[in-house]
C-alpha atoms as a PDB file:
ATOM      1  CA  MET A   1      60.679 165.028  85.292  1.00  0.00           C
ATOM      2  CA  ALA A   2      57.655 167.272  84.859  1.00  0.00           C
ATOM      3  CA  GLY A   3      56.371 167.751  81.324  1.00  0.00           C
ATOM      4  CA  SER A   4      58.262 164.820  79.830  1.00  0.00           C
ATOM      5  CA  ILE A   5      56.533 162.459  77.427  1.00  0.00           C
ATOM      6  CA  ASP A   6      56.921 158.700  77.677  1.00  0.00           C
ATOM      7  CA  VAL A   7      57.783 157.564  74.143  1.00  0.00           C
ATOM      8  CA  SER A   8      59.045 154.082  75.012  1.00  0.00           C
ATOM      9  CA  GLY A   9      55.986 152.284  73.636  1.00  0.00           C
ATOM     10  CA  MET A  10      55.306 154.554  70.665  1.00  0.00           C
ATOM     11  CA  GLY A  11      57.326 152.436  68.227  1.00  0.00           C
ATOM     12  CA  ASP A  12      55.335 149.342  69.124  1.00  0.00           C
ATOM     13  CA  GLN A  13      52.069 151.259  68.855  1.00  0.00           C
ATOM     14  CA  ILE A  14      52.952 152.634  65.414  1.00  0.00           C
ATOM     15  CA  GLN A  15      54.003 149.177  64.241  1.00  0.00           C
ATOM     16  CA  ALA A  16      50.728 147.674  65.482  1.00  0.00           C
ATOM     17  CA  GLU A  17      48.728 150.405  63.727  1.00  0.00           C
ATOM     18  CA  MET A  18      50.624 149.760  60.488  1.00  0.00           C
ATOM     19  CA  GLN A  19      49.888 146.031  60.737  1.00  0.00           C
ATOM     20  CA  VAL A  20      46.187 146.727  61.257  1.00  0.00           C
ATOM     21  CA  LYS A  21      46.171 149.099  58.267  1.00  0.00           C
ATOM     22  CA  GLN A  22      47.949 146.539  56.062  1.00  0.00           C
ATOM     23  CA  PHE A  23      45.485 143.835  57.082  1.00  0.00           C
ATOM     24  CA  ARG A  24      42.535 146.165  56.444  1.00  0.00           C
ATOM     25  CA  ASP A  25      43.932 147.036  52.994  1.00  0.00           C
ATOM     26  CA  PHE A  26      44.396 143.327  52.249  1.00  0.00           C
ATOM     27  CA  LEU A  27      40.786 142.586  53.202  1.00  0.00           C
ATOM     28  CA  ILE A  28      39.507 145.436  51.040  1.00  0.00           C
ATOM     29  CA  GLN A  29      41.453 144.135  48.031  1.00  0.00           C
ATOM     30  CA  TYR A  30      40.352 140.553  48.716  1.00  0.00           C
ATOM     31  CA  ASN A  31      36.706 141.606  48.892  1.00  0.00           C
ATOM     32  CA  LYS A  32      36.973 143.646  45.680  1.00  0.00           C
ATOM     33  CA  LEU A  33      38.583 140.704  43.883  1.00  0.00           C
ATOM     34  CA  SER A  34      35.990 138.251  45.187  1.00  0.00           C
ATOM     35  CA  GLU A  35      33.093 140.476  44.193  1.00  0.00           C
ATOM     36  CA  SER A  36      34.511 141.287  40.772  1.00  0.00           C
ATOM     37  CA  CYS A  37      35.304 137.688  39.833  1.00  0.00           C
ATOM     38  CA  PHE A  38      31.999 136.427  41.255  1.00  0.00           C
ATOM     39  CA  ASN A  39      30.007 139.006  39.280  1.00  0.00           C
ATOM     40  CA  ASP A  40      31.929 138.223  36.090  1.00  0.00           C
ATOM     41  CA  CYS A  41      31.960 134.437  36.365  1.00  0.00           C
ATOM     42  CA  VAL A  42      28.942 133.101  38.238  1.00  0.00           C
ATOM     43  CA  TRP A  43      25.813 133.087  36.082  1.00  0.00           C
ATOM     44  CA  ASP A  44      23.782 130.047  37.092  1.00  0.00           C
ATOM     45  CA  PHE A  45      21.948 130.336  40.399  1.00  0.00           C
ATOM     46  CA  THR A  46      19.702 127.308  39.861  1.00  0.00           C
ATOM     47  CA  SER A  47      22.165 125.027  41.651  1.00  0.00           C
ATOM     48  CA  ARG A  48      24.187 125.223  44.849  1.00  0.00           C
ATOM     49  CA  SER A  49      27.301 123.943  43.115  1.00  0.00           C
ATOM     50  CA  VAL A  50      29.603 125.965  40.920  1.00  0.00           C
ATOM     51  CA  ARG A  51      29.676 124.780  37.305  1.00  0.00           C
ATOM     52  CA  GLY A  52      32.952 123.860  35.625  1.00  0.00           C
ATOM     53  CA  ASN A  53      32.969 126.840  33.278  1.00  0.00           C
ATOM     54  CA  GLU A  54      32.221 129.179  36.186  1.00  0.00           C
ATOM     55  CA  ASP A  55      35.045 127.650  38.209  1.00  0.00           C
ATOM     56  CA  ASN A  56      37.483 128.024  35.293  1.00  0.00           C
ATOM     57  CA  CYS A  57      36.397 131.620  34.767  1.00  0.00           C
ATOM     58  CA  ALA A  58      36.916 132.432  38.455  1.00  0.00           C
ATOM     59  CA  MET A  59      40.357 130.782  38.494  1.00  0.00           C
ATOM     60  CA  ASN A  60      41.395 132.728  35.384  1.00  0.00           C
ATOM     61  CA  CYS A  61      40.040 135.944  36.886  1.00  0.00           C
ATOM     62  CA  VAL A  62      42.038 135.502  40.100  1.00  0.00           C
ATOM     63  CA  GLU A  63      45.178 134.530  38.182  1.00  0.00           C
ATOM     64  CA  LYS A  64      44.895 137.551  35.898  1.00  0.00           C
ATOM     65  CA  TYR A  65      44.298 139.887  38.841  1.00  0.00           C
ATOM     66  CA  THR A  66      47.313 138.461  40.679  1.00  0.00           C
ATOM     67  CA  LYS A  67      49.590 138.846  37.655  1.00  0.00           C
ATOM     68  CA  VAL A  68      48.412 142.395  36.974  1.00  0.00           C
ATOM     69  CA  THR A  69      48.890 143.367  40.614  1.00  0.00           C
ATOM     70  CA  GLN A  70      52.396 141.884  40.622  1.00  0.00           C
ATOM     71  CA  ARG A  71      53.298 143.677  37.390  1.00  0.00           C
ATOM     72  CA  ILE A  72      52.009 147.014  38.680  1.00  0.00           C
ATOM     73  CA  SER A  73      54.005 146.535  41.878  1.00  0.00           C
ATOM     74  CA  GLU A  74      57.179 145.789  39.902  1.00  0.00           C
ATOM     75  CA  ARG A  75      56.696 148.856  37.702  1.00  0.00           C
ATOM     76  CA  PHE A  76      56.041 151.018  40.749  1.00  0.00           C
ATOM     77  CA  GLN A  77      59.271 149.788  42.355  1.00  0.00           C
ATOM     78  CA  GLU A  78      61.203 150.511  39.160  1.00  0.00           C
ATOM     79  CA  LEU A  79      59.722 154.001  38.968  1.00  0.00           C
ATOM     80  CA  GLN A  80      60.477 154.634  42.641  1.00  0.00           C
ATOM     81  CA  MET A  81      64.111 153.591  42.152  1.00  0.00           C
ATOM     82  CA  LEU A  82      64.414 155.845  39.096  1.00  0.00           C
ATOM     83  CA  MET A  83      62.929 158.779  40.992  1.00  0.00           C
ATOM     84  CA  ASN A  84      65.349 158.181  43.882  1.00  0.00           C
ATOM     85  CA  GLU A  85      68.302 158.049  41.477  1.00  0.00           C
ATOM     86  CA  ASN A  86      67.160 161.264  39.789  1.00  0.00           C
ATOM     87  CA  ALA A  87      66.741 162.999  43.141  1.00  0.00           C
ATOM     88  CA  ALA A  88      70.209 161.872  44.250  1.00  0.00           C
ATOM     89  CA  SER A  89      71.697 163.049  40.963  1.00  0.00           C
ATOM     90  CA  ALA A  90      69.972 166.424  41.250  1.00  0.00           C
ATOM     91  CA  ALA A  91      71.127 166.819  44.850  1.00  0.00           C
ATOM     92  CA  GLN A  92      74.670 165.930  43.837  1.00  0.00           C
ATOM     93  CA  LYS A  93      74.591 168.504  41.012  1.00  0.00           C
ATOM     94  CA  LEU A  94      73.263 171.157  43.378  1.00  0.00           C
ATOM     95  CA  GLY A  95      76.092 170.395  45.764  1.00  0.00           C
ATOM     96  CA  LYS A  96      78.649 171.011  42.994  1.00  0.00           C
ATOM     97  CA  LEU A  97      77.206 174.338  41.856  1.00  0.00           C
ATOM     98  CA  PRO A  98      79.213 177.376  42.995  1.00  0.00           C
ATOM     99  CA  MET A  99      77.424 179.730  45.349  1.00  0.00           C
ATOM    100  CA  ALA A 100      76.700 183.223  43.997  1.00  0.00           C
END
């Protein structure tokens, strides 16, 4: 049929693009975390090995970042659920209002 668009592979293409975006976002966050913890925790450049206090600092930094990220994600999910409930409630109230 003339003028028709083949959309059969569009779902797969969109999914692949989303996966690439998620991976890119992960790498950006990983690099930010690595740079931040390295800058905060590594002080001695006279040796090739990482000192014990530097290692502990880096481990604590990563752990703190992970916990904060998880907590933010949980709060965001809670807020999103609340917003959805409020929107549903508002839509339900609008549906019950008499038309003028």
